[in-house]
Amino acid sequence: MRYGHHLSGLIAHESDEIILLSIFGTVLLVAGTAQRFQVSSAIGAFLVGIALSGTVAEQSHRLVSPLRDLFAAIFFFFFGLETDPAALVPSLPFALGLGAITAVTKVLAGYLATRREGIDQQGRLRAGIELVARGEFSIVIAGLGSSIEPRLAPLSAAYVLIMAMLGPLVARVAR
């Protein structure tokens, strides 16, 4: 955060192509350095995203959004390829338990956070319920966890599938 404005100044340019190539180069450099020190390369890339600010951040968001969607789809596809459907069944009880705990804590967190802002009780409950559907990052965590401990893969996949189905259903009921 301290040097983010310097990084933004180095990357800033009128040309979209130069900004895009500079972003990719910076992300690869920082992610590679992080990986070299045995820290997740994803964390390095995340830090670059946090460090960018101002118009460079806005331009970057506009330029990289289509790629983000493409790579997210490929990530989910790859996660699906690595998932053995037969291994999901034994993990279902644990995944259902984790899903229930996660849903309750998300509703509680949303409820308490909006209570501080003076939102009425129905709005608090709706805000908490809306959080249940928010969990796209959980599949990324599941992928990282699976790479560290392969036995977590079926549990992670089952949990993500349960939450992906439960979230929109609960959100629809809340509306």
N, C-alpha and C. Protein backbone atom coordinates (compact mmCIF):
# COMPACT_ATOMS: atom_id res chain seq x y z
N MET A 1 0.82 -1.19 0.00
CA MET A 1 0.00 0.00 0.00
C MET A 1 0.86 1.25 0.00
N ARG A 2 1.99 1.17 0.68
CA ARG A 2 2.86 2.32 0.80
C ARG A 2 3.41 2.76 -0.56
N TYR A 3 3.72 1.81 -1.43
CA TYR A 3 4.34 2.12 -2.71
C TYR A 3 3.39 1.97 -3.89
N GLY A 4 2.11 1.81 -3.62
CA GLY A 4 1.13 1.61 -4.67
C GLY A 4 1.06 2.77 -5.65
N HIS A 5 1.16 3.98 -5.16
CA HIS A 5 1.10 5.14 -6.07
C HIS A 5 2.31 5.17 -7.01
N HIS A 6 3.46 4.67 -6.53
CA HIS A 6 4.64 4.58 -7.40
C HIS A 6 4.40 3.56 -8.51
N LEU A 7 3.85 2.41 -8.13
CA LEU A 7 3.54 1.38 -9.10
C LEU A 7 2.53 1.88 -10.12
N SER A 8 1.50 2.56 -9.66
CA SER A 8 0.49 3.12 -10.57
C SER A 8 1.13 4.13 -11.51
N GLY A 9 2.04 4.92 -10.98
CA GLY A 9 2.74 5.91 -11.82
C GLY A 9 3.59 5.26 -12.89
N LEU A 10 4.22 4.14 -12.57
CA LEU A 10 5.04 3.42 -13.56
C LEU A 10 4.19 2.80 -14.66
N ILE A 11 3.02 2.33 -14.30
CA ILE A 11 2.17 1.62 -15.26
C ILE A 11 1.33 2.59 -16.08
N ALA A 12 1.03 3.76 -15.53
CA ALA A 12 0.13 4.72 -16.19
C ALA A 12 0.61 5.05 -17.61
N HIS A 13 -0.34 5.01 -18.53
CA HIS A 13 -0.04 5.33 -19.93
C HIS A 13 -1.37 5.54 -20.65
N GLU A 14 -1.33 6.25 -21.77
CA GLU A 14 -2.55 6.47 -22.55
C GLU A 14 -2.94 5.24 -23.34
N SER A 15 -1.98 4.40 -23.69
CA SER A 15 -2.23 3.23 -24.50
C SER A 15 -2.74 2.06 -23.66
N ASP A 16 -3.90 1.53 -24.05
CA ASP A 16 -4.44 0.36 -23.35
C ASP A 16 -3.51 -0.83 -23.44
N GLU A 17 -2.86 -1.00 -24.58
CA GLU A 17 -1.97 -2.14 -24.78
C GLU A 17 -0.78 -2.09 -23.83
N ILE A 18 -0.21 -0.90 -23.65
CA ILE A 18 0.94 -0.76 -22.75
C ILE A 18 0.52 -1.02 -21.32
N ILE A 19 -0.65 -0.51 -20.93
CA ILE A 19 -1.13 -0.77 -19.57
C ILE A 19 -1.37 -2.26 -19.37
N LEU A 20 -2.00 -2.91 -20.33
CA LEU A 20 -2.29 -4.34 -20.21
C LEU A 20 -1.00 -5.15 -20.10
N LEU A 21 -0.04 -4.86 -20.95
CA LEU A 21 1.23 -5.59 -20.90
C LEU A 21 2.01 -5.28 -19.61
N SER A 22 1.94 -4.04 -19.16
CA SER A 22 2.61 -3.67 -17.91
C SER A 22 1.98 -4.39 -16.71
N ILE A 23 0.66 -4.48 -16.72
CA ILE A 23 -0.03 -5.19 -15.64
C ILE A 23 0.38 -6.66 -15.64
N PHE A 24 0.33 -7.28 -16.80
CA PHE A 24 0.70 -8.70 -16.88
C PHE A 24 2.14 -8.92 -16.45
N GLY A 25 3.03 -8.05 -16.90
CA GLY A 25 4.42 -8.18 -16.52
C GLY A 25 4.62 -8.03 -15.02
N THR A 26 3.95 -7.04 -14.44
CA THR A 26 4.06 -6.81 -13.00
C THR A 26 3.48 -7.97 -12.20
N VAL A 27 2.31 -8.44 -12.64
CA VAL A 27 1.69 -9.57 -11.94
C VAL A 27 2.58 -10.81 -12.03
N LEU A 28 3.12 -11.08 -13.21
CA LEU A 28 4.00 -12.24 -13.35
C LEU A 28 5.26 -12.10 -12.50
N LEU A 29 5.83 -10.91 -12.48
CA LEU A 29 7.03 -10.68 -11.68
C LEU A 29 6.76 -10.87 -10.19
N VAL A 30 5.72 -10.24 -9.69
CA VAL A 30 5.41 -10.32 -8.26
C VAL A 30 4.92 -11.73 -7.89
N ALA A 31 4.08 -12.32 -8.74
CA ALA A 31 3.59 -13.67 -8.45
C ALA A 31 4.74 -14.68 -8.50
N GLY A 32 5.64 -14.52 -9.46
CA GLY A 32 6.80 -15.40 -9.54
C GLY A 32 7.73 -15.24 -8.35
N THR A 33 7.92 -14.01 -7.92
CA THR A 33 8.75 -13.76 -6.74
C THR A 33 8.10 -14.37 -5.50
N ALA A 34 6.80 -14.21 -5.38
CA ALA A 34 6.09 -14.80 -4.24
C ALA A 34 6.24 -16.32 -4.25
N GLN A 35 6.07 -16.90 -5.43
CA GLN A 35 6.20 -18.36 -5.55
C GLN A 35 7.62 -18.80 -5.20
N ARG A 36 8.60 -18.02 -5.58
CA ARG A 36 10.00 -18.34 -5.29
C ARG A 36 10.25 -18.41 -3.78
N PHE A 37 9.54 -17.54 -3.04
CA PHE A 37 9.66 -17.54 -1.58
C PHE A 37 8.64 -18.47 -0.93
N GLN A 38 8.06 -19.34 -1.73
CA GLN A 38 7.10 -20.35 -1.30
C GLN A 38 5.85 -19.74 -0.66
N VAL A 39 5.43 -18.62 -1.22
CA VAL A 39 4.16 -17.99 -0.88
C VAL A 39 3.29 -18.15 -2.12
N SER A 40 2.01 -18.26 -1.95
CA SER A 40 1.11 -18.45 -3.07
C SER A 40 1.27 -17.34 -4.10
N SER A 41 1.40 -17.72 -5.35
CA SER A 41 1.49 -16.73 -6.42
C SER A 41 0.20 -15.93 -6.52
N ALA A 42 -0.92 -16.54 -6.14
CA ALA A 42 -2.20 -15.83 -6.15
C ALA A 42 -2.17 -14.65 -5.18
N ILE A 43 -1.51 -14.83 -4.05
CA ILE A 43 -1.39 -13.74 -3.07
C ILE A 43 -0.58 -12.60 -3.67
N GLY A 44 0.50 -12.93 -4.37
CA GLY A 44 1.31 -11.90 -5.03
C GLY A 44 0.50 -11.11 -6.04
N ALA A 45 -0.28 -11.81 -6.86
CA ALA A 45 -1.12 -11.14 -7.85
C ALA A 45 -2.19 -10.28 -7.17
N PHE A 46 -2.74 -10.79 -6.09
CA PHE A 46 -3.73 -10.05 -5.31
C PHE A 46 -3.14 -8.74 -4.78
N LEU A 47 -1.91 -8.80 -4.29
CA LEU A 47 -1.26 -7.60 -3.75
C LEU A 47 -1.03 -6.55 -4.83
N VAL A 48 -0.72 -6.99 -6.05
CA VAL A 48 -0.57 -6.03 -7.15
C VAL A 48 -1.91 -5.33 -7.40
N GLY A 49 -2.98 -6.11 -7.38
CA GLY A 49 -4.31 -5.52 -7.58
C GLY A 49 -4.67 -4.51 -6.51
N ILE A 50 -4.28 -4.80 -5.28
CA ILE A 50 -4.55 -3.86 -4.19
C ILE A 50 -3.71 -2.60 -4.35
N ALA A 51 -2.48 -2.75 -4.82
CA ALA A 51 -1.56 -1.62 -4.90
C ALA A 51 -1.94 -0.61 -5.97
N LEU A 52 -2.54 -1.06 -7.06
CA LEU A 52 -2.91 -0.13 -8.13
C LEU A 52 -4.02 0.80 -7.66
N SER A 53 -3.94 2.06 -8.08
CA SER A 53 -4.95 3.02 -7.65
C SER A 53 -5.23 4.03 -8.75
N GLY A 54 -6.26 4.81 -8.55
CA GLY A 54 -6.60 5.90 -9.45
C GLY A 54 -7.03 5.45 -10.83
N THR A 55 -6.66 6.22 -11.83
CA THR A 55 -7.09 5.93 -13.20
C THR A 55 -6.49 4.63 -13.72
N VAL A 56 -5.30 4.28 -13.25
CA VAL A 56 -4.69 3.02 -13.68
C VAL A 56 -5.54 1.84 -13.21
N ALA A 57 -6.04 1.92 -11.98
CA ALA A 57 -6.91 0.85 -11.47
C ALA A 57 -8.19 0.77 -12.29
N GLU A 58 -8.76 1.92 -12.63
CA GLU A 58 -9.99 1.94 -13.43
C GLU A 58 -9.74 1.36 -14.83
N GLN A 59 -8.65 1.78 -15.47
CA GLN A 59 -8.32 1.26 -16.80
C GLN A 59 -8.05 -0.24 -16.72
N SER A 60 -7.33 -0.65 -15.70
CA SER A 60 -7.00 -2.07 -15.54
C SER A 60 -8.26 -2.90 -15.38
N HIS A 61 -9.17 -2.40 -14.59
CA HIS A 61 -10.43 -3.13 -14.37
C HIS A 61 -11.17 -3.30 -15.69
N ARG A 62 -11.24 -2.23 -16.45
CA ARG A 62 -11.93 -2.28 -17.74
C ARG A 62 -11.25 -3.24 -18.71
N LEU A 63 -9.94 -3.24 -18.72
CA LEU A 63 -9.19 -4.08 -19.66
C LEU A 63 -9.16 -5.55 -19.28
N VAL A 64 -9.10 -5.83 -18.00
CA VAL A 64 -8.89 -7.20 -17.55
C VAL A 64 -10.21 -7.94 -17.27
N SER A 65 -11.31 -7.23 -17.11
CA SER A 65 -12.58 -7.89 -16.79
C SER A 65 -12.95 -9.02 -17.75
N PRO A 66 -12.87 -8.83 -19.06
CA PRO A 66 -13.21 -9.96 -19.95
C PRO A 66 -12.28 -11.15 -19.76
N LEU A 67 -11.01 -10.89 -19.51
CA LEU A 67 -10.06 -11.99 -19.27
C LEU A 67 -10.37 -12.68 -17.94
N ARG A 68 -10.76 -11.91 -16.95
CA ARG A 68 -11.12 -12.49 -15.65
C ARG A 68 -12.25 -13.50 -15.82
N ASP A 69 -13.26 -13.11 -16.58
CA ASP A 69 -14.40 -14.00 -16.79
C ASP A 69 -14.00 -15.26 -17.54
N LEU A 70 -13.15 -15.11 -18.54
CA LEU A 70 -12.68 -16.26 -19.31
C LEU A 70 -11.87 -17.20 -18.43
N PHE A 71 -10.92 -16.66 -17.69
CA PHE A 71 -10.06 -17.50 -16.86
C PHE A 71 -10.84 -18.11 -15.69
N ALA A 72 -11.85 -17.40 -15.19
CA ALA A 72 -12.68 -17.98 -14.13
C ALA A 72 -13.42 -19.20 -14.67
N ALA A 73 -13.95 -19.08 -15.88
CA ALA A 73 -14.64 -20.23 -16.49
C ALA A 73 -13.69 -21.39 -16.69
N ILE A 74 -12.49 -21.11 -17.13
CA ILE A 74 -11.50 -22.18 -17.32
C ILE A 74 -11.12 -22.80 -15.98
N PHE A 75 -10.98 -21.96 -14.94
CA PHE A 75 -10.65 -22.48 -13.61
C PHE A 75 -11.74 -23.43 -13.13
N PHE A 76 -13.01 -23.03 -13.27
CA PHE A 76 -14.10 -23.89 -12.83
C PHE A 76 -14.15 -25.17 -13.64
N PHE A 77 -13.90 -25.06 -14.94
CA PHE A 77 -13.86 -26.25 -15.80
C PHE A 77 -12.77 -27.20 -15.32
N PHE A 78 -11.60 -26.68 -15.04
CA PHE A 78 -10.48 -27.51 -14.58
C PHE A 78 -10.79 -28.13 -13.22
N PHE A 79 -11.41 -27.35 -12.33
CA PHE A 79 -11.80 -27.87 -11.02
C PHE A 79 -12.78 -29.03 -11.19
N GLY A 80 -13.70 -28.90 -12.16
CA GLY A 80 -14.64 -29.97 -12.46
C GLY A 80 -13.95 -31.21 -13.00
N LEU A 81 -12.93 -31.01 -13.84
CA LEU A 81 -12.19 -32.15 -14.38
C LEU A 81 -11.49 -32.94 -13.28
N GLU A 82 -11.05 -32.25 -12.25
CA GLU A 82 -10.33 -32.91 -11.17
C GLU A 82 -11.25 -33.53 -10.12
N THR A 83 -12.55 -33.32 -10.26
CA THR A 83 -13.50 -33.82 -9.27
C THR A 83 -14.08 -35.15 -9.71
N ASP A 84 -13.94 -36.14 -8.87
CA ASP A 84 -14.52 -37.45 -9.11
C ASP A 84 -15.91 -37.48 -8.48
N PRO A 85 -16.97 -37.55 -9.28
CA PRO A 85 -18.33 -37.52 -8.72
C PRO A 85 -18.58 -38.61 -7.67
N ALA A 86 -17.97 -39.77 -7.84
CA ALA A 86 -18.16 -40.86 -6.87
C ALA A 86 -17.56 -40.50 -5.51
N ALA A 87 -16.55 -39.67 -5.49
CA ALA A 87 -15.92 -39.28 -4.23
C ALA A 87 -16.72 -38.22 -3.48
N LEU A 88 -17.69 -37.59 -4.15
CA LEU A 88 -18.50 -36.56 -3.51
C LEU A 88 -19.46 -37.14 -2.48
N VAL A 89 -19.99 -38.32 -2.75
CA VAL A 89 -21.03 -38.90 -1.89
C VAL A 89 -20.56 -39.08 -0.45
N PRO A 90 -19.39 -39.67 -0.20
CA PRO A 90 -18.96 -39.81 1.20
C PRO A 90 -18.70 -38.46 1.89
N SER A 91 -18.44 -37.43 1.12
CA SER A 91 -18.16 -36.11 1.69
C SER A 91 -19.41 -35.29 1.97
N LEU A 92 -20.56 -35.74 1.46
CA LEU A 92 -21.78 -34.95 1.59
C LEU A 92 -22.17 -34.61 3.03
N PRO A 93 -22.12 -35.54 3.98
CA PRO A 93 -22.51 -35.15 5.35
C PRO A 93 -21.63 -34.03 5.92
N PHE A 94 -20.34 -34.12 5.71
CA PHE A 94 -19.44 -33.07 6.19
C PHE A 94 -19.69 -31.76 5.45
N ALA A 95 -19.89 -31.85 4.14
CA ALA A 95 -20.12 -30.65 3.33
C ALA A 95 -21.43 -29.98 3.74
N LEU A 96 -22.48 -30.78 4.01
CA LEU A 96 -23.75 -30.22 4.46
C LEU A 96 -23.58 -29.52 5.81
N GLY A 97 -22.81 -30.13 6.70
CA GLY A 97 -22.54 -29.51 8.00
C GLY A 97 -21.79 -28.19 7.85
N LEU A 98 -20.75 -28.21 7.03
CA LEU A 98 -20.00 -26.97 6.78
C LEU A 98 -20.88 -25.91 6.12
N GLY A 99 -21.71 -26.35 5.18
CA GLY A 99 -22.62 -25.42 4.51
C GLY A 99 -23.59 -24.78 5.48
N ALA A 100 -24.13 -25.58 6.40
CA ALA A 100 -25.06 -25.05 7.40
C ALA A 100 -24.36 -24.03 8.31
N ILE A 101 -23.17 -24.39 8.77
CA ILE A 101 -22.41 -23.47 9.63
C ILE A 101 -22.09 -22.18 8.89
N THR A 102 -21.66 -22.31 7.64
CA THR A 102 -21.32 -21.14 6.84
C THR A 102 -22.55 -20.26 6.62
N ALA A 103 -23.68 -20.87 6.27
CA ALA A 103 -24.89 -20.10 6.01
C ALA A 103 -25.33 -19.34 7.26
N VAL A 104 -25.32 -20.02 8.40
CA VAL A 104 -25.74 -19.37 9.65
C VAL A 104 -24.80 -18.22 10.00
N THR A 105 -23.50 -18.43 9.87
CA THR A 105 -22.57 -17.35 10.23
C THR A 105 -22.65 -16.19 9.25
N LYS A 106 -22.92 -16.47 7.98
CA LYS A 106 -23.08 -15.37 7.01
C LYS A 106 -24.33 -14.55 7.32
N VAL A 107 -25.43 -15.24 7.62
CA VAL A 107 -26.66 -14.53 7.97
C VAL A 107 -26.43 -13.69 9.23
N LEU A 108 -25.79 -14.28 10.21
CA LEU A 108 -25.51 -13.56 11.46
C LEU A 108 -24.60 -12.36 11.22
N ALA A 109 -23.56 -12.53 10.42
CA ALA A 109 -22.63 -11.43 10.13
C ALA A 109 -23.35 -10.29 9.41
N GLY A 110 -24.14 -10.62 8.41
CA GLY A 110 -24.90 -9.58 7.69
C GLY A 110 -25.90 -8.89 8.59
N TYR A 111 -26.56 -9.66 9.42
CA TYR A 111 -27.56 -9.12 10.35
C TYR A 111 -26.91 -8.14 11.32
N LEU A 112 -25.80 -8.56 11.92
CA LEU A 112 -25.12 -7.70 12.90
C LEU A 112 -24.50 -6.45 12.26
N ALA A 113 -23.94 -6.63 11.07
CA ALA A 113 -23.32 -5.48 10.39
C ALA A 113 -24.35 -4.43 10.03
N THR A 114 -25.51 -4.85 9.55
CA THR A 114 -26.53 -3.88 9.17
C THR A 114 -27.25 -3.30 10.38
N ARG A 115 -27.26 -4.03 11.49
CA ARG A 115 -27.87 -3.49 12.71
C ARG A 115 -27.09 -2.27 13.17
N ARG A 116 -25.76 -2.31 13.03
CA ARG A 116 -24.94 -1.16 13.41
C ARG A 116 -25.29 0.07 12.60
N GLU A 117 -25.80 -0.15 11.38
CA GLU A 117 -26.14 0.97 10.51
C GLU A 117 -27.58 1.43 10.67
N GLY A 118 -28.31 0.81 11.58
CA GLY A 118 -29.68 1.24 11.86
C GLY A 118 -30.72 0.72 10.89
N ILE A 119 -30.42 -0.34 10.17
CA ILE A 119 -31.37 -0.93 9.23
C ILE A 119 -32.43 -1.68 10.02
N ASP A 120 -33.68 -1.67 9.52
CA ASP A 120 -34.74 -2.38 10.22
C ASP A 120 -34.51 -3.89 10.19
N GLN A 121 -35.25 -4.61 11.03
CA GLN A 121 -35.00 -6.05 11.21
C GLN A 121 -35.16 -6.84 9.92
N GLN A 122 -36.16 -6.53 9.13
CA GLN A 122 -36.35 -7.26 7.87
C GLN A 122 -35.18 -7.01 6.92
N GLY A 123 -34.71 -5.79 6.86
CA GLY A 123 -33.56 -5.45 6.03
C GLY A 123 -32.29 -6.14 6.52
N ARG A 124 -32.13 -6.24 7.83
CA ARG A 124 -30.96 -6.92 8.40
C ARG A 124 -30.95 -8.39 8.01
N LEU A 125 -32.10 -9.01 8.15
CA LEU A 125 -32.20 -10.43 7.81
C LEU A 125 -31.95 -10.65 6.32
N ARG A 126 -32.53 -9.79 5.49
CA ARG A 126 -32.34 -9.90 4.04
C ARG A 126 -30.87 -9.71 3.67
N ALA A 127 -30.20 -8.77 4.30
CA ALA A 127 -28.77 -8.54 4.02
C ALA A 127 -27.95 -9.77 4.39
N GLY A 128 -28.24 -10.37 5.52
CA GLY A 128 -27.53 -11.57 5.94
C GLY A 128 -27.78 -12.73 4.99
N ILE A 129 -29.03 -12.89 4.57
CA ILE A 129 -29.37 -13.98 3.66
C ILE A 129 -28.70 -13.79 2.30
N GLU A 130 -28.60 -12.56 1.84
CA GLU A 130 -27.94 -12.28 0.56
C GLU A 130 -26.48 -12.70 0.58
N LEU A 131 -25.86 -12.67 1.75
CA LEU A 131 -24.45 -13.06 1.86
C LEU A 131 -24.25 -14.56 1.63
N VAL A 132 -25.27 -15.35 1.86
CA VAL A 132 -25.14 -16.80 1.68
C VAL A 132 -24.74 -17.12 0.25
N ALA A 133 -25.30 -16.38 -0.70
CA ALA A 133 -24.99 -16.63 -2.11
C ALA A 133 -23.60 -16.15 -2.50
N ARG A 134 -23.00 -15.31 -1.70
CA ARG A 134 -21.68 -14.77 -2.03
C ARG A 134 -20.61 -15.74 -1.58
N GLY A 135 -19.94 -16.38 -2.52
CA GLY A 135 -18.91 -17.33 -2.12
C GLY A 135 -18.11 -17.83 -3.29
N GLU A 136 -18.02 -17.00 -4.34
CA GLU A 136 -17.26 -17.42 -5.50
C GLU A 136 -15.81 -17.68 -5.14
N PHE A 137 -15.33 -16.95 -4.16
CA PHE A 137 -13.93 -17.12 -3.76
C PHE A 137 -13.72 -18.46 -3.07
N SER A 138 -14.80 -19.04 -2.56
CA SER A 138 -14.66 -20.32 -1.85
C SER A 138 -14.14 -21.41 -2.77
N ILE A 139 -14.47 -21.35 -4.04
CA ILE A 139 -13.95 -22.38 -4.95
C ILE A 139 -12.45 -22.19 -5.18
N VAL A 140 -11.99 -20.96 -5.15
CA VAL A 140 -10.56 -20.71 -5.26
C VAL A 140 -9.85 -21.28 -4.03
N ILE A 141 -10.40 -21.03 -2.86
CA ILE A 141 -9.84 -21.59 -1.63
C ILE A 141 -9.90 -23.11 -1.69
N ALA A 142 -11.00 -23.64 -2.21
CA ALA A 142 -11.13 -25.10 -2.33
C ALA A 142 -10.04 -25.65 -3.25
N GLY A 143 -9.78 -24.95 -4.34
CA GLY A 143 -8.73 -25.39 -5.26
C GLY A 143 -7.36 -25.36 -4.61
N LEU A 144 -7.09 -24.30 -3.84
CA LEU A 144 -5.81 -24.21 -3.14
C LEU A 144 -5.69 -25.29 -2.08
N GLY A 145 -6.77 -25.51 -1.34
CA GLY A 145 -6.75 -26.54 -0.31
C GLY A 145 -6.55 -27.92 -0.90
N SER A 146 -7.17 -28.16 -2.04
CA SER A 146 -7.04 -29.46 -2.70
C SER A 146 -5.63 -29.70 -3.20
N SER A 147 -4.97 -28.64 -3.62
CA SER A 147 -3.60 -28.82 -4.09
C SER A 147 -2.64 -29.10 -2.93
N ILE A 148 -2.98 -28.60 -1.74
CA ILE A 148 -2.15 -28.86 -0.57
C ILE A 148 -2.44 -30.25 0.01
N GLU A 149 -3.72 -30.57 0.12
CA GLU A 149 -4.13 -31.86 0.67
C GLU A 149 -5.18 -32.46 -0.25
N PRO A 150 -4.78 -33.39 -1.13
CA PRO A 150 -5.70 -33.95 -2.13
C PRO A 150 -6.97 -34.57 -1.55
N ARG A 151 -6.92 -35.03 -0.31
CA ARG A 151 -8.12 -35.63 0.29
C ARG A 151 -9.21 -34.59 0.55
N LEU A 152 -8.86 -33.30 0.52
CA LEU A 152 -9.85 -32.25 0.70
C LEU A 152 -10.65 -31.97 -0.56
N ALA A 153 -10.19 -32.43 -1.70
CA ALA A 153 -10.83 -32.12 -2.98
C ALA A 153 -12.31 -32.51 -3.01
N PRO A 154 -12.69 -33.74 -2.65
CA PRO A 154 -14.12 -34.07 -2.70
C PRO A 154 -14.96 -33.24 -1.73
N LEU A 155 -14.43 -33.01 -0.53
CA LEU A 155 -15.15 -32.19 0.45
C LEU A 155 -15.30 -30.77 -0.08
N SER A 156 -14.24 -30.21 -0.62
CA SER A 156 -14.28 -28.86 -1.16
C SER A 156 -15.29 -28.75 -2.29
N ALA A 157 -15.24 -29.71 -3.20
CA ALA A 157 -16.16 -29.69 -4.34
C ALA A 157 -17.61 -29.83 -3.88
N ALA A 158 -17.87 -30.75 -2.95
CA ALA A 158 -19.23 -30.93 -2.45
C ALA A 158 -19.73 -29.68 -1.75
N TYR A 159 -18.87 -29.06 -0.95
CA TYR A 159 -19.24 -27.83 -0.24
C TYR A 159 -19.57 -26.72 -1.22
N VAL A 160 -18.72 -26.53 -2.21
CA VAL A 160 -18.95 -25.46 -3.18
C VAL A 160 -20.24 -25.70 -3.96
N LEU A 161 -20.50 -26.95 -4.35
CA LEU A 161 -21.73 -27.25 -5.07
C LEU A 161 -22.96 -26.99 -4.21
N ILE A 162 -22.90 -27.40 -2.95
CA ILE A 162 -24.03 -27.16 -2.04
C ILE A 162 -24.28 -25.67 -1.88
N MET A 163 -23.22 -24.91 -1.64
CA MET A 163 -23.39 -23.47 -1.44
C MET A 163 -23.82 -22.77 -2.73
N ALA A 164 -23.36 -23.25 -3.87
CA ALA A 164 -23.76 -22.65 -5.14
C ALA A 164 -25.24 -22.87 -5.40
N MET A 165 -25.78 -23.99 -4.93
CA MET A 165 -27.21 -24.25 -5.11
C MET A 165 -28.04 -23.58 -4.01
N LEU A 166 -27.55 -23.63 -2.78
CA LEU A 166 -28.28 -23.09 -1.64
C LEU A 166 -28.38 -21.56 -1.70
N GLY A 167 -27.28 -20.91 -2.04
CA GLY A 167 -27.24 -19.45 -2.01
C GLY A 167 -28.34 -18.78 -2.81
N PRO A 168 -28.46 -19.06 -4.10
CA PRO A 168 -29.52 -18.42 -4.89
C PRO A 168 -30.93 -18.76 -4.42
N LEU A 169 -31.14 -20.00 -3.94
CA LEU A 169 -32.46 -20.39 -3.44
C LEU A 169 -32.84 -19.58 -2.21
N VAL A 170 -31.90 -19.46 -1.28
CA VAL A 170 -32.16 -18.70 -0.05
C VAL A 170 -32.34 -17.22 -0.38
N ALA A 171 -31.54 -16.70 -1.29
CA ALA A 171 -31.66 -15.29 -1.67
C ALA A 171 -33.01 -15.01 -2.32
N ARG A 172 -33.49 -15.95 -3.12
CA ARG A 172 -34.81 -15.78 -3.77
C ARG A 172 -35.91 -15.74 -2.72
N VAL A 173 -35.79 -16.60 -1.71
CA VAL A 173 -36.79 -16.61 -0.62
C VAL A 173 -36.74 -15.29 0.15
N ALA A 174 -35.56 -14.76 0.34
CA ALA A 174 -35.41 -13.51 1.10
C ALA A 174 -36.07 -12.33 0.39
N ARG A 175 -36.10 -12.36 -0.91
CA ARG A 175 -36.71 -11.26 -1.67
C ARG A 175 -38.22 -11.36 -1.60
